[in-house]
Amino acid sequence: MRIAGIILLVLATGCTTTVYTRSGTYPAEKQADLLACEAQALKLFPVSMQPRTTIGIGGTIGPRVCHGWLCTGTGIGVYQTAPVSTYDANATRRTQAVENCMATSNYRRASLARCTPEQIAAGVTYPKGAPDADACAVLVDGGGWVAVNP
């Protein structure tokens, strides 16, 4: 029962997306403002790919065996594994810079369900400003999501 709830939650969150809205703004204006904010954030916090490594404790513990002055079988050593992946160290800062830039321009974030193919086929309108209560989000050419009214 618990697994079914987790799967349902994952499926439900996979069908929503976050869009920026501002009263009196067409989607094309919003896209231009968003691109300007993303460019500014990229200048402030450029991509900085860093390796991820794992540091652990290793060694051998066992019976002590000595050959002259050299003894083995006990001891703990520190080792470092090879990088297993990379990450962008500035990604979080860049995302926050975009959100701050958009908030400065009076945009607010809204979480909307993604439009179904049936909704798009039936026709949608791009609202100037805040979307209606039954609005959904559609992916536009060039990337990004915009709110539409079905």
Protein backbone atom coordinates (compact mmCIF):
# COMPACT_ATOMS: atom_id res chain seq x y z
CA MET A 1 0.00 0.00 0.00
CA ARG A 2 2.82 2.38 0.92
CA ILE A 3 4.69 1.62 -2.33
CA ALA A 4 1.56 2.39 -4.36
CA GLY A 5 1.30 5.78 -2.64
CA ILE A 6 4.93 6.59 -3.46
CA ILE A 7 4.46 5.59 -7.09
CA LEU A 8 1.30 7.71 -7.31
CA LEU A 9 3.17 10.68 -5.81
CA VAL A 10 6.00 10.31 -8.34
CA LEU A 11 3.53 10.09 -11.22
CA ALA A 12 1.57 13.08 -9.98
CA THR A 13 4.64 15.28 -9.58
CA GLY A 14 5.88 14.22 -13.01
CA CYS A 15 2.77 15.75 -14.58
CA THR A 16 3.22 19.26 -13.19
CA THR A 17 5.68 22.01 -13.94
CA THR A 18 6.49 25.45 -12.59
CA VAL A 19 5.96 28.54 -14.74
CA TYR A 20 6.50 32.23 -14.12
CA THR A 21 3.51 34.54 -14.45
CA ARG A 22 3.05 38.30 -14.19
CA SER A 23 -0.08 40.35 -14.66
CA GLY A 24 -0.24 42.09 -18.04
CA THR A 25 2.59 40.07 -19.63
CA TYR A 26 2.36 37.92 -22.77
CA PRO A 27 4.30 34.62 -22.91
CA ALA A 28 6.81 36.05 -25.41
CA GLU A 29 7.65 38.87 -22.99
CA LYS A 30 8.01 36.38 -20.15
CA GLN A 31 10.35 34.23 -22.23
CA ALA A 32 12.51 37.25 -23.09
CA ASP A 33 12.70 38.27 -19.42
CA LEU A 34 13.52 34.71 -18.37
CA LEU A 35 16.30 34.41 -20.98
CA ALA A 36 17.76 37.74 -19.81
CA CYS A 37 17.73 36.52 -16.20
CA GLU A 38 19.31 33.19 -17.19
CA ALA A 39 22.07 34.99 -19.14
CA GLN A 40 22.78 37.28 -16.20
CA ALA A 41 22.89 34.31 -13.80
CA LEU A 42 25.26 32.43 -16.12
CA LYS A 43 27.64 35.42 -16.12
CA LEU A 44 27.53 35.63 -12.33
CA PHE A 45 27.79 31.87 -11.75
CA PRO A 46 29.38 30.11 -14.76
CA VAL A 47 29.24 26.34 -15.17
CA SER A 48 31.85 24.81 -12.87
CA MET A 49 32.01 21.05 -13.31
CA GLN A 50 33.67 19.35 -10.34
CA PRO A 51 34.49 15.66 -9.79
CA ARG A 52 32.67 13.72 -7.08
CA THR A 53 34.91 11.43 -5.08
CA THR A 54 34.34 9.11 -2.17
CA ILE A 55 36.70 9.09 0.77
CA GLY A 56 36.56 6.16 3.10
CA ILE A 57 38.52 4.19 5.66
CA GLY A 58 40.09 0.93 4.66
CA GLY A 59 42.88 -1.43 5.55
CA THR A 60 43.28 -4.87 6.95
CA ILE A 61 42.67 -6.15 10.45
CA GLY A 62 43.85 -9.63 11.28
CA PRO A 63 46.59 -11.56 12.99
CA ARG A 64 49.84 -9.67 13.29
CA VAL A 65 52.60 -11.28 11.23
CA CYS A 66 56.13 -9.93 11.51
CA HIS A 67 59.12 -10.62 9.27
CA GLY A 68 62.01 -8.85 10.95
CA TRP A 69 61.08 -5.25 11.38
CA LEU A 70 58.15 -5.43 8.91
CA CYS A 71 54.79 -6.34 10.44
CA THR A 72 51.51 -6.82 8.52
CA GLY A 73 47.96 -7.81 9.29
CA THR A 74 46.84 -4.88 11.42
CA GLY A 75 46.25 -1.28 10.74
CA ILE A 76 43.73 1.06 9.26
CA GLY A 77 44.51 3.24 6.26
CA VAL A 78 42.70 6.01 4.47
CA TYR A 79 41.98 5.66 0.77
CA GLN A 80 40.26 7.73 -1.88
CA THR A 81 38.38 6.21 -4.77
CA ALA A 82 38.48 7.55 -8.31
CA PRO A 83 35.87 10.14 -9.34
CA VAL A 84 32.60 8.42 -10.15
CA SER A 85 30.71 11.44 -11.52
CA THR A 86 30.79 15.19 -11.92
CA TYR A 87 28.46 17.97 -10.83
CA ASP A 88 28.02 21.67 -11.51
CA ALA A 89 29.13 23.43 -8.32
CA ASN A 90 27.31 26.64 -9.34
CA ALA A 91 23.97 25.13 -10.42
CA THR A 92 22.15 25.96 -7.18
CA ARG A 93 23.49 29.52 -7.09
CA ARG A 94 22.54 30.03 -10.74
CA THR A 95 18.99 28.78 -10.14
CA GLN A 96 18.62 31.07 -7.14
CA ALA A 97 19.94 34.03 -9.18
CA VAL A 98 17.31 33.39 -11.88
CA GLU A 99 14.54 33.17 -9.28
CA ASN A 100 15.71 36.41 -7.63
CA CYS A 101 15.92 38.19 -10.99
CA MET A 102 12.40 37.11 -11.97
CA ALA A 103 11.02 38.10 -8.55
CA THR A 104 12.65 41.52 -8.92
CA SER A 105 10.69 41.89 -12.17
CA ASN A 106 7.44 41.05 -10.29
CA TYR A 107 7.01 37.51 -11.64
CA ARG A 108 5.58 34.83 -9.40
CA ARG A 109 5.94 31.08 -9.72
CA ALA A 110 2.88 28.91 -10.33
CA SER A 111 2.75 25.12 -10.36
CA LEU A 112 0.49 23.88 -13.17
CA ALA A 113 -0.45 20.53 -14.63
CA ARG A 114 1.02 19.85 -18.04
CA CYS A 115 -1.47 20.12 -20.89
CA THR A 116 -2.68 16.88 -22.38
CA PRO A 117 -2.55 16.37 -26.16
CA GLU A 118 -6.37 16.47 -26.15
CA GLN A 119 -6.37 19.93 -24.50
CA ILE A 120 -3.87 21.27 -27.03
CA ALA A 121 -5.80 19.77 -29.98
CA ALA A 122 -9.02 21.40 -28.72
CA GLY A 123 -7.30 24.79 -28.74
CA VAL A 124 -5.61 26.92 -26.11
CA THR A 125 -5.16 30.64 -25.57
CA TYR A 126 -2.12 32.40 -24.17
CA PRO A 127 -3.38 34.63 -21.36
CA LYS A 128 -1.95 38.08 -20.85
CA GLY A 129 -1.05 37.85 -17.19
CA ALA A 130 -2.17 35.33 -14.63
CA PRO A 131 -3.67 32.08 -15.96
CA ASP A 132 -7.21 30.89 -15.21
CA ALA A 133 -7.91 28.38 -12.45
CA ASP A 134 -8.06 25.50 -14.99
CA ALA A 135 -4.88 26.57 -16.84
CA CYS A 136 -2.18 24.11 -17.81
CA ALA A 137 1.43 24.39 -18.97
CA VAL A 138 2.71 23.73 -22.48
CA LEU A 139 6.31 23.34 -23.67
CA VAL A 140 7.23 25.96 -26.28
CA ASP A 141 9.82 25.93 -29.05
CA GLY A 142 13.24 26.88 -27.75
CA GLY A 143 12.52 25.40 -24.33
CA GLY A 144 10.58 26.63 -21.39
CA TRP A 145 7.00 26.26 -20.24
CA VAL A 146 4.17 28.77 -20.53
CA ALA A 147 0.72 28.86 -18.97
CA VAL A 148 -2.23 28.49 -21.32
CA ASN A 149 -5.98 28.49 -20.86
CA PRO A 150 -7.71 25.47 -22.44
